[in-house]
Amino acid sequence: MATQKENFLGRCFTLRSAYGSFRKVSFGPEDLKKLNDFAASNKGWCSILIKDKKNAGPEQSDFYCEMDTFKAGDYKPTDKKLPF
């Protein structure tokens, strides 16, 4: 599994206009390679998490993107006595 730092993707911007604000994410060649490499070992799929930043300055974006590295086969419940 990739380390936390390697999971961050793209450049994120919040753009404001007379018609409201919208979010823009730009992916570069390295970001696309990360996504493609993960998708190759995950049945062709890769998910991206869009998360709000806790502390963003006035000139910074208020969100960021992270690659979701969860794979269903990786999950193992710790408590075998489930209530259902």
N, C-alpha and C. Protein backbone atom coordinates (compact mmCIF):
# COMPACT_ATOMS: atom_id res chain seq x y z
N MET A 1 0.84 -1.18 0.00
CA MET A 1 0.00 0.00 0.00
C MET A 1 0.88 1.24 0.00
N ALA A 2 0.46 2.27 -0.67
CA ALA A 2 1.24 3.50 -0.79
C ALA A 2 1.24 4.26 0.53
N THR A 3 2.28 5.03 0.73
CA THR A 3 2.32 5.86 1.93
C THR A 3 1.38 7.04 1.77
N GLN A 4 1.06 7.68 2.87
CA GLN A 4 0.08 8.77 2.85
C GLN A 4 0.50 9.89 1.90
N LYS A 5 1.77 10.27 1.90
CA LYS A 5 2.21 11.39 1.07
C LYS A 5 2.02 11.09 -0.42
N GLU A 6 2.19 9.84 -0.81
CA GLU A 6 2.06 9.46 -2.21
C GLU A 6 0.61 9.46 -2.69
N ASN A 7 -0.35 9.55 -1.78
CA ASN A 7 -1.76 9.48 -2.15
C ASN A 7 -2.34 10.81 -2.62
N PHE A 8 -1.66 11.92 -2.36
CA PHE A 8 -2.19 13.22 -2.75
C PHE A 8 -2.08 13.39 -4.26
N LEU A 9 -3.11 14.00 -4.86
CA LEU A 9 -3.17 14.14 -6.30
C LEU A 9 -3.51 15.56 -6.71
N GLY A 10 -2.98 15.96 -7.85
CA GLY A 10 -3.42 17.16 -8.55
C GLY A 10 -3.17 18.48 -7.85
N ARG A 11 -3.58 19.50 -8.57
CA ARG A 11 -3.58 20.87 -8.04
C ARG A 11 -5.04 21.28 -7.92
N CYS A 12 -5.41 21.76 -6.76
CA CYS A 12 -6.80 22.06 -6.48
C CYS A 12 -7.00 23.56 -6.32
N PHE A 13 -8.06 24.05 -6.92
CA PHE A 13 -8.39 25.48 -6.86
C PHE A 13 -9.88 25.66 -6.62
N THR A 14 -10.22 26.66 -5.85
CA THR A 14 -11.61 27.09 -5.74
C THR A 14 -11.71 28.42 -6.47
N LEU A 15 -12.48 28.45 -7.53
CA LEU A 15 -12.62 29.64 -8.35
C LEU A 15 -13.97 30.30 -8.06
N ARG A 16 -13.94 31.60 -7.92
CA ARG A 16 -15.18 32.34 -7.64
C ARG A 16 -15.47 33.27 -8.81
N SER A 17 -16.73 33.30 -9.19
CA SER A 17 -17.14 34.16 -10.29
C SER A 17 -18.44 34.86 -9.91
N ALA A 18 -18.94 35.65 -10.82
CA ALA A 18 -20.21 36.34 -10.58
C ALA A 18 -21.37 35.35 -10.48
N TYR A 19 -21.15 34.13 -10.95
CA TYR A 19 -22.21 33.11 -10.96
C TYR A 19 -22.02 32.07 -9.87
N GLY A 20 -21.13 32.31 -8.93
CA GLY A 20 -20.89 31.39 -7.85
C GLY A 20 -19.46 30.85 -7.87
N SER A 21 -19.19 29.91 -7.02
CA SER A 21 -17.85 29.33 -6.97
C SER A 21 -17.90 27.89 -7.47
N PHE A 22 -16.78 27.44 -7.96
CA PHE A 22 -16.65 26.05 -8.38
C PHE A 22 -15.24 25.58 -8.12
N ARG A 23 -15.08 24.27 -8.10
CA ARG A 23 -13.78 23.67 -7.78
C ARG A 23 -13.14 23.13 -9.05
N LYS A 24 -11.84 23.34 -9.14
CA LYS A 24 -11.09 22.87 -10.30
C LYS A 24 -9.93 22.02 -9.82
N VAL A 25 -9.76 20.84 -10.44
CA VAL A 25 -8.64 19.96 -10.12
C VAL A 25 -7.90 19.68 -11.41
N SER A 26 -6.60 19.89 -11.41
CA SER A 26 -5.75 19.63 -12.57
C SER A 26 -4.81 18.49 -12.24
N PHE A 27 -4.76 17.48 -13.13
CA PHE A 27 -3.87 16.34 -12.94
C PHE A 27 -2.72 16.41 -13.92
N GLY A 28 -1.52 16.15 -13.43
CA GLY A 28 -0.32 16.12 -14.26
C GLY A 28 0.05 14.68 -14.61
N PRO A 29 1.12 14.51 -15.38
CA PRO A 29 1.54 13.17 -15.80
C PRO A 29 1.83 12.22 -14.63
N GLU A 30 2.44 12.70 -13.57
CA GLU A 30 2.74 11.84 -12.43
C GLU A 30 1.46 11.39 -11.72
N ASP A 31 0.48 12.30 -11.62
CA ASP A 31 -0.80 11.96 -11.00
C ASP A 31 -1.51 10.88 -11.82
N LEU A 32 -1.53 11.05 -13.12
CA LEU A 32 -2.19 10.08 -13.99
C LEU A 32 -1.50 8.72 -13.93
N LYS A 33 -0.18 8.73 -13.80
CA LYS A 33 0.56 7.47 -13.69
C LYS A 33 0.18 6.75 -12.39
N LYS A 34 0.09 7.49 -11.28
CA LYS A 34 -0.32 6.89 -10.01
C LYS A 34 -1.70 6.25 -10.13
N LEU A 35 -2.63 6.98 -10.73
CA LEU A 35 -3.98 6.47 -10.89
C LEU A 35 -4.00 5.22 -11.77
N ASN A 36 -3.27 5.27 -12.87
CA ASN A 36 -3.23 4.14 -13.80
C ASN A 36 -2.58 2.92 -13.16
N ASP A 37 -1.49 3.11 -12.43
CA ASP A 37 -0.82 2.00 -11.78
C ASP A 37 -1.72 1.33 -10.74
N PHE A 38 -2.44 2.14 -9.96
CA PHE A 38 -3.34 1.57 -8.97
C PHE A 38 -4.50 0.85 -9.65
N ALA A 39 -5.06 1.45 -10.69
CA ALA A 39 -6.19 0.85 -11.40
C ALA A 39 -5.81 -0.48 -12.04
N ALA A 40 -4.57 -0.60 -12.49
CA ALA A 40 -4.12 -1.84 -13.14
C ALA A 40 -4.21 -3.03 -12.19
N SER A 41 -4.04 -2.80 -10.90
CA SER A 41 -4.11 -3.90 -9.93
C SER A 41 -5.43 -3.92 -9.17
N ASN A 42 -6.42 -3.13 -9.63
CA ASN A 42 -7.70 -3.04 -8.92
C ASN A 42 -8.87 -3.13 -9.90
N LYS A 43 -8.80 -4.09 -10.79
CA LYS A 43 -9.86 -4.35 -11.78
C LYS A 43 -10.16 -3.15 -12.67
N GLY A 44 -9.15 -2.30 -12.90
CA GLY A 44 -9.31 -1.16 -13.80
C GLY A 44 -9.91 0.08 -13.18
N TRP A 45 -10.14 0.07 -11.88
CA TRP A 45 -10.79 1.20 -11.22
C TRP A 45 -9.88 1.87 -10.21
N CYS A 46 -10.07 3.18 -10.06
CA CYS A 46 -9.40 3.95 -9.03
C CYS A 46 -10.34 5.07 -8.59
N SER A 47 -10.49 5.23 -7.30
CA SER A 47 -11.38 6.27 -6.78
C SER A 47 -10.55 7.42 -6.22
N ILE A 48 -11.13 8.61 -6.30
CA ILE A 48 -10.49 9.81 -5.78
C ILE A 48 -11.38 10.37 -4.68
N LEU A 49 -10.77 10.67 -3.54
CA LEU A 49 -11.48 11.30 -2.43
C LEU A 49 -11.24 12.81 -2.50
N ILE A 50 -12.30 13.58 -2.41
CA ILE A 50 -12.19 15.04 -2.36
C ILE A 50 -12.53 15.44 -0.93
N LYS A 51 -11.53 16.00 -0.25
CA LYS A 51 -11.67 16.30 1.17
C LYS A 51 -11.52 17.79 1.43
N ASP A 52 -12.26 18.28 2.42
CA ASP A 52 -12.14 19.67 2.84
C ASP A 52 -10.93 19.82 3.75
N LYS A 53 -10.20 20.92 3.57
CA LYS A 53 -9.07 21.22 4.44
C LYS A 53 -9.60 21.78 5.75
N LYS A 54 -8.91 21.47 6.83
CA LYS A 54 -9.31 22.00 8.13
C LYS A 54 -8.89 23.46 8.28
N ASN A 55 -7.67 23.78 7.85
CA ASN A 55 -7.15 25.13 7.96
C ASN A 55 -6.64 25.58 6.61
N ALA A 56 -7.35 26.46 5.96
CA ALA A 56 -6.92 26.99 4.67
C ALA A 56 -6.80 28.51 4.78
N GLY A 57 -5.70 29.03 4.28
CA GLY A 57 -5.49 30.47 4.28
C GLY A 57 -6.36 31.15 3.23
N PRO A 58 -6.40 32.46 3.23
CA PRO A 58 -7.27 33.18 2.29
C PRO A 58 -6.90 32.98 0.82
N GLU A 59 -5.65 32.72 0.54
CA GLU A 59 -5.22 32.52 -0.85
C GLU A 59 -5.03 31.05 -1.20
N GLN A 60 -5.44 30.15 -0.30
CA GLN A 60 -5.29 28.72 -0.53
C GLN A 60 -6.63 28.08 -0.87
N SER A 61 -6.54 26.95 -1.54
CA SER A 61 -7.75 26.19 -1.82
C SER A 61 -8.29 25.61 -0.52
N ASP A 62 -9.61 25.43 -0.44
CA ASP A 62 -10.21 24.90 0.77
C ASP A 62 -10.47 23.39 0.69
N PHE A 63 -9.86 22.71 -0.31
CA PHE A 63 -10.03 21.27 -0.45
C PHE A 63 -8.78 20.66 -1.08
N TYR A 64 -8.70 19.33 -1.04
CA TYR A 64 -7.60 18.63 -1.69
C TYR A 64 -8.10 17.27 -2.18
N CYS A 65 -7.34 16.63 -3.05
CA CYS A 65 -7.70 15.33 -3.60
C CYS A 65 -6.70 14.28 -3.13
N GLU A 66 -7.22 13.11 -2.87
CA GLU A 66 -6.40 12.01 -2.41
C GLU A 66 -6.89 10.73 -3.08
N MET A 67 -5.96 9.86 -3.46
CA MET A 67 -6.33 8.60 -4.07
C MET A 67 -6.81 7.65 -2.97
N ASP A 68 -7.95 7.02 -3.19
CA ASP A 68 -8.50 6.06 -2.25
C ASP A 68 -7.86 4.70 -2.51
N THR A 69 -7.05 4.22 -1.59
CA THR A 69 -6.31 2.99 -1.80
C THR A 69 -7.00 1.78 -1.17
N PHE A 70 -8.26 1.91 -0.77
CA PHE A 70 -9.00 0.81 -0.18
C PHE A 70 -9.25 -0.27 -1.23
N LYS A 71 -8.98 -1.52 -0.84
CA LYS A 71 -9.32 -2.68 -1.67
C LYS A 71 -10.16 -3.61 -0.81
N ALA A 72 -11.25 -4.12 -1.37
CA ALA A 72 -12.17 -4.95 -0.60
C ALA A 72 -11.46 -6.15 0.01
N GLY A 73 -10.49 -6.73 -0.65
CA GLY A 73 -9.76 -7.88 -0.14
C GLY A 73 -8.87 -7.55 1.04
N ASP A 74 -8.56 -6.26 1.24
CA ASP A 74 -7.69 -5.85 2.35
C ASP A 74 -8.43 -5.77 3.68
N TYR A 75 -9.76 -5.72 3.65
CA TYR A 75 -10.54 -5.54 4.87
C TYR A 75 -10.70 -6.86 5.59
N LYS A 76 -10.31 -6.89 6.86
CA LYS A 76 -10.50 -8.06 7.71
C LYS A 76 -11.09 -7.58 9.03
N PRO A 77 -12.33 -7.98 9.32
CA PRO A 77 -12.94 -7.53 10.57
C PRO A 77 -12.14 -8.01 11.78
N THR A 78 -12.03 -7.17 12.79
CA THR A 78 -11.27 -7.52 13.98
C THR A 78 -12.13 -8.24 15.01
N ASP A 79 -13.42 -7.96 15.01
CA ASP A 79 -14.33 -8.59 15.96
C ASP A 79 -15.20 -9.60 15.23
N LYS A 80 -15.01 -10.88 15.54
CA LYS A 80 -15.77 -11.92 14.85
C LYS A 80 -17.16 -12.09 15.46
N LYS A 81 -17.43 -11.45 16.59
CA LYS A 81 -18.75 -11.55 17.23
C LYS A 81 -19.56 -10.31 16.86
N LEU A 82 -20.04 -10.29 15.66
CA LEU A 82 -20.84 -9.15 15.20
C LEU A 82 -22.29 -9.33 15.64
N PRO A 83 -23.01 -8.24 15.90
CA PRO A 83 -24.37 -8.33 16.41
C PRO A 83 -25.39 -8.79 15.38
N PHE A 84 -25.02 -9.03 14.16
CA PHE A 84 -25.99 -9.46 13.15
C PHE A 84 -25.56 -10.70 12.44
